[in-house]
Amino acid sequence: MMKYAFLLMLGLLLAGCAGPELSTEQLSAIHRVAIVSTVGDELSVVEIPLFPIVVEDDFGPFDAYGLDPAIAHKIVTKLGSRYQVIPFKTPPHVTKGSKSDWWWHDDNYTHIELPPDGDTGNGKVDTYILITPGTGTVYGTSHQVHGVFVAHHPNLGSIEYGVGVTYHIIIVDAKTSKPIKDVQTIAGAEADESLWPADEKFATLSDAQKKGIATKTEAAMDDSLDYALKALALIPDE
C-alpha cells in the first residue's frame, strides 16, 4: 500500500481542487493570452519524520534551473493554435511575502504586477495565465509542501523520497486585472536518495542534485497540466 501513498495523495489534491470550468461566455472572450510562471524560483527541502509533530522546511533559490520557462513552454504547446500567445517585452515584477504569510495563505504570498489593460509591450492581450506556488500534502501526512519541493519521509513502504510541485493556474481578465478562475493542482514523482541532501539542508544540495530535481519535476508536470487545462476548458477533454 505505502508504495503508492506518495502519488495517491497528489492525485487526491488534483481531483479535489479542480472546480467548475470556465463558462462558454468567458471562453469566448479569450483570444490573445500572456503567460507568467512564478513557481520555479524557489525549492523547499522537506524532511517529514515518521511521526511528524513539528516540521521545518528549508528553502533556497531555484530560478537558475529553468522550471518557469519550461512550464510556460509546456502550456504554450498544450494550448496549441487555440489562442495566440504574446510574450512580455519585459517580464512583470514579482514580489513574495514572508514564509509565515505563505505557510497557510499561499494565495496571498505571490504578487505579480501585471501591466494595465493587457499591454505586454509586444501587443495587447485579453487574458493572463498565471502559474503561482500552491500548497499540498504528501505521504498521507498532514504536513504541507509548498511550491517546488524535494521530500523525505521514513516509513514502512518502499517510497521514502519524492519530488514535485504544488501550484495554481490563475486565469486573469487582462483589462481589469481581476482573476476569473483559479485551479490548484500538484504534480509529483518518486525519487531516490541521490537527490536528497545529506544534512536535510538546501545549502548542501549539489548542482547535479538540483538539476535532477528540476528535470524530474518538469517531467512529472505533464499529466497535472493536462488535467488543470482541461478542467478550465482551455483544452478539450478528449
Foldseek 3Di string as FASTA:
>chain_A
DLVCQFVVQQVVQLVVFQDAAADPVVLVQFAEEEEFEDQQQKEWQWEAEQDRDDTDIAMDTGVVLPLGVLVVVLVCVQLDNRHHYDYAPDAWDKAADDCVCCQVPVVPGIDTDADAQQCRVRDRGQKYKYKGKDWGDGSPDPHIDIRWYWYAYDDPDDAGIKTWGKIKTWIAGRNVRHTDDITIHMFMDGDDPVLAAPVSHPVRGDPVSSNVRSVRHSVRCNVSVVSNCCSNVSHPDD
